[in-house]
Amino acid sequence: MVSSSLGSLAWASDFEAPMAEVNLLGYNSSKSALNAVTVAFAKDLAPLGFKVNAGCPGYTATDLNQHTGSRTPEQGAVIGIRLATLPDDGPTGGFFDDDGTVAW
């Protein structure tokens, strides 16, 4: 799963956070819901040996944003590759970016 830091509850409640002045209720709500679903699936699928995590690729240049993102698709893919290749004892039920766990 891929998420975005803009949906972070920690950021949404911090008036000093980047993009704090932007009212994106639908977007923020959907990202928070994605984080909740990530945790729910992680709990449900853990007994079967699955890991479920959400990753934020950052503002990546894609067709969706007319290639205005500051990251290349290759840079954005790094988090997905890292999460897809976690060791057996790796984390599950979390939201991650290049710097590690993102609070939500």
C-alpha atoms as a PDB file:
ATOM      1  CA  MET A   1       0.000   0.000   0.000  1.00  0.00           C
ATOM      2  CA  VAL A   2       1.180   3.506  -0.685  1.00  0.00           C
ATOM      3  CA  SER A   3       0.134   6.424   1.450  1.00  0.00           C
ATOM      4  CA  SER A   4       1.165  10.025   1.929  1.00  0.00           C
ATOM      5  CA  SER A   5       2.415  12.101   4.823  1.00  0.00           C
ATOM      6  CA  LEU A   6      -0.375  14.584   4.105  1.00  0.00           C
ATOM      7  CA  GLY A   7      -2.809  12.135   5.702  1.00  0.00           C
ATOM      8  CA  SER A   8      -0.839  11.984   8.927  1.00  0.00           C
ATOM      9  CA  LEU A   9      -2.923  12.724  12.009  1.00  0.00           C
ATOM     10  CA  ALA A  10       0.234  14.039  13.654  1.00  0.00           C
ATOM     11  CA  TRP A  11       0.668  16.549  10.834  1.00  0.00           C
ATOM     12  CA  ALA A  12      -3.029  17.396  10.659  1.00  0.00           C
ATOM     13  CA  SER A  13      -2.996  18.487  14.303  1.00  0.00           C
ATOM     14  CA  ASP A  14       0.260  20.462  14.016  1.00  0.00           C
ATOM     15  CA  PHE A  15      -0.322  24.006  12.755  1.00  0.00           C
ATOM     16  CA  GLU A  16       3.405  24.341  12.008  1.00  0.00           C
ATOM     17  CA  ALA A  17       3.480  21.240   9.788  1.00  0.00           C
ATOM     18  CA  PRO A  18       4.033  21.520   6.041  1.00  0.00           C
ATOM     19  CA  MET A  19       0.749  22.083   4.199  1.00  0.00           C
ATOM     20  CA  ALA A  20      -1.065  22.774   7.521  1.00  0.00           C
ATOM     21  CA  GLU A  21      -3.053  25.612   5.966  1.00  0.00           C
ATOM     22  CA  VAL A  22      -4.384  23.448   3.128  1.00  0.00           C
ATOM     23  CA  ASN A  23      -7.891  22.066   3.711  1.00  0.00           C
ATOM     24  CA  LEU A  24      -7.902  18.691   2.040  1.00  0.00           C
ATOM     25  CA  LEU A  25     -10.521  16.975   4.203  1.00  0.00           C
ATOM     26  CA  GLY A  26     -11.328  14.234   1.711  1.00  0.00           C
ATOM     27  CA  TYR A  27      -7.682  13.573   0.914  1.00  0.00           C
ATOM     28  CA  ASN A  28      -6.537  13.592   4.546  1.00  0.00           C
ATOM     29  CA  SER A  29      -9.462  11.408   5.604  1.00  0.00           C
ATOM     30  CA  SER A  30      -8.744   8.845   2.897  1.00  0.00           C
ATOM     31  CA  LYS A  31      -5.082   8.664   3.879  1.00  0.00           C
ATOM     32  CA  SER A  32      -5.967   8.221   7.553  1.00  0.00           C
ATOM     33  CA  ALA A  33      -8.423   5.499   6.563  1.00  0.00           C
ATOM     34  CA  LEU A  34      -5.676   3.801   4.524  1.00  0.00           C
ATOM     35  CA  ASN A  35      -3.456   3.778   7.605  1.00  0.00           C
ATOM     36  CA  ALA A  36      -6.266   2.228   9.684  1.00  0.00           C
ATOM     37  CA  VAL A  37      -6.900  -0.423   7.015  1.00  0.00           C
ATOM     38  CA  THR A  38      -3.165  -1.165   6.943  1.00  0.00           C
ATOM     39  CA  VAL A  39      -3.211  -1.910  10.674  1.00  0.00           C
ATOM     40  CA  ALA A  40      -6.393  -4.007  10.392  1.00  0.00           C
ATOM     41  CA  PHE A  41      -5.022  -6.133   7.530  1.00  0.00           C
ATOM     42  CA  ALA A  42      -1.679  -6.496   9.298  1.00  0.00           C
ATOM     43  CA  LYS A  43      -3.428  -7.924  12.365  1.00  0.00           C
ATOM     44  CA  ASP A  44      -5.710 -10.195  10.341  1.00  0.00           C
ATOM     45  CA  LEU A  45      -2.973 -11.565   8.083  1.00  0.00           C
ATOM     46  CA  ALA A  46      -0.132 -11.880  10.611  1.00  0.00           C
ATOM     47  CA  PRO A  47      -1.113 -15.464  11.567  1.00  0.00           C
ATOM     48  CA  LEU A  48      -0.674 -16.423   7.911  1.00  0.00           C
ATOM     49  CA  GLY A  49       2.826 -14.935   7.781  1.00  0.00           C
ATOM     50  CA  PHE A  50       1.936 -11.832   5.778  1.00  0.00           C
ATOM     51  CA  LYS A  51       3.236  -8.336   6.431  1.00  0.00           C
ATOM     52  CA  VAL A  52       1.099  -5.333   5.514  1.00  0.00           C
ATOM     53  CA  ASN A  53       2.613  -1.857   5.539  1.00  0.00           C
ATOM     54  CA  ALA A  54       1.955   1.496   3.895  1.00  0.00           C
ATOM     55  CA  GLY A  55       4.719   3.457   2.217  1.00  0.00           C
ATOM     56  CA  CYS A  56       5.026   7.098   1.212  1.00  0.00           C
ATOM     57  CA  PRO A  57       7.018   7.523  -2.012  1.00  0.00           C
ATOM     58  CA  GLY A  58       7.229  11.295  -1.562  1.00  0.00           C
ATOM     59  CA  TYR A  59       6.281  13.908  -4.137  1.00  0.00           C
ATOM     60  CA  THR A  60       7.184  11.871  -7.202  1.00  0.00           C
ATOM     61  CA  ALA A  61       7.065  13.159 -10.778  1.00  0.00           C
ATOM     62  CA  THR A  62       4.265  11.207 -12.489  1.00  0.00           C
ATOM     63  CA  ASP A  63       1.527  11.739 -15.051  1.00  0.00           C
ATOM     64  CA  LEU A  64      -0.845  12.403 -12.129  1.00  0.00           C
ATOM     65  CA  ASN A  65       0.946  15.669 -11.279  1.00  0.00           C
ATOM     66  CA  GLN A  66       2.151  16.551 -14.782  1.00  0.00           C
ATOM     67  CA  HIS A  67       5.660  15.498 -13.710  1.00  0.00           C
ATOM     68  CA  THR A  68       5.994  18.380 -11.242  1.00  0.00           C
ATOM     69  CA  GLY A  69       7.162  16.119  -8.403  1.00  0.00           C
ATOM     70  CA  SER A  70      10.637  16.633  -7.010  1.00  0.00           C
ATOM     71  CA  ARG A  71      11.492  12.925  -7.019  1.00  0.00           C
ATOM     72  CA  THR A  72      12.054  10.537  -9.894  1.00  0.00           C
ATOM     73  CA  PRO A  73       9.902   7.411 -10.193  1.00  0.00           C
ATOM     74  CA  GLU A  74      13.019   5.398  -9.349  1.00  0.00           C
ATOM     75  CA  GLN A  75      13.449   7.350  -6.098  1.00  0.00           C
ATOM     76  CA  GLY A  76       9.764   6.953  -5.283  1.00  0.00           C
ATOM     77  CA  ALA A  77       9.956   3.199  -5.832  1.00  0.00           C
ATOM     78  CA  VAL A  78      12.645   2.684  -3.194  1.00  0.00           C
ATOM     79  CA  ILE A  79      10.195   2.572  -0.263  1.00  0.00           C
ATOM     80  CA  GLY A  80       7.969   0.019  -2.004  1.00  0.00           C
ATOM     81  CA  ILE A  81      10.922  -2.201  -2.800  1.00  0.00           C
ATOM     82  CA  ARG A  82      12.201  -1.923   0.772  1.00  0.00           C
ATOM     83  CA  LEU A  83       8.792  -2.865   2.214  1.00  0.00           C
ATOM     84  CA  ALA A  84       8.332  -5.720  -0.279  1.00  0.00           C
ATOM     85  CA  THR A  85      11.673  -7.245   0.687  1.00  0.00           C
ATOM     86  CA  LEU A  86      11.475  -7.010   4.480  1.00  0.00           C
ATOM     87  CA  PRO A  87      13.027  -9.859   6.446  1.00  0.00           C
ATOM     88  CA  ASP A  88      10.779 -12.300   8.296  1.00  0.00           C
ATOM     89  CA  ASP A  89      11.217 -10.342  11.523  1.00  0.00           C
ATOM     90  CA  GLY A  90      10.491  -6.994   9.827  1.00  0.00           C
ATOM     91  CA  PRO A  91       7.727  -4.607  10.857  1.00  0.00           C
ATOM     92  CA  THR A  92       4.067  -4.897   9.945  1.00  0.00           C
ATOM     93  CA  GLY A  93       1.128  -2.523  10.329  1.00  0.00           C
ATOM     94  CA  GLY A  94       3.206   0.614   9.912  1.00  0.00           C
ATOM     95  CA  PHE A  95       3.456   3.679   7.713  1.00  0.00           C
ATOM     96  CA  PHE A  96       6.948   4.344   6.366  1.00  0.00           C
ATOM     97  CA  ASP A  97       8.889   6.802   4.242  1.00  0.00           C
ATOM     98  CA  ASP A  98      12.588   7.071   3.384  1.00  0.00           C
ATOM     99  CA  ASP A  99      13.401   8.137   6.954  1.00  0.00           C
ATOM    100  CA  GLY A 100      11.585   5.263   8.647  1.00  0.00           C
ATOM    101  CA  THR A 101       8.325   5.109  10.574  1.00  0.00           C
ATOM    102  CA  VAL A 102       5.911   8.009  10.054  1.00  0.00           C
ATOM    103  CA  ALA A 103       3.630   8.937  12.962  1.00  0.00           C
ATOM    104  CA  TRP A 104      -0.037   9.125  12.064  1.00  0.00           C
END
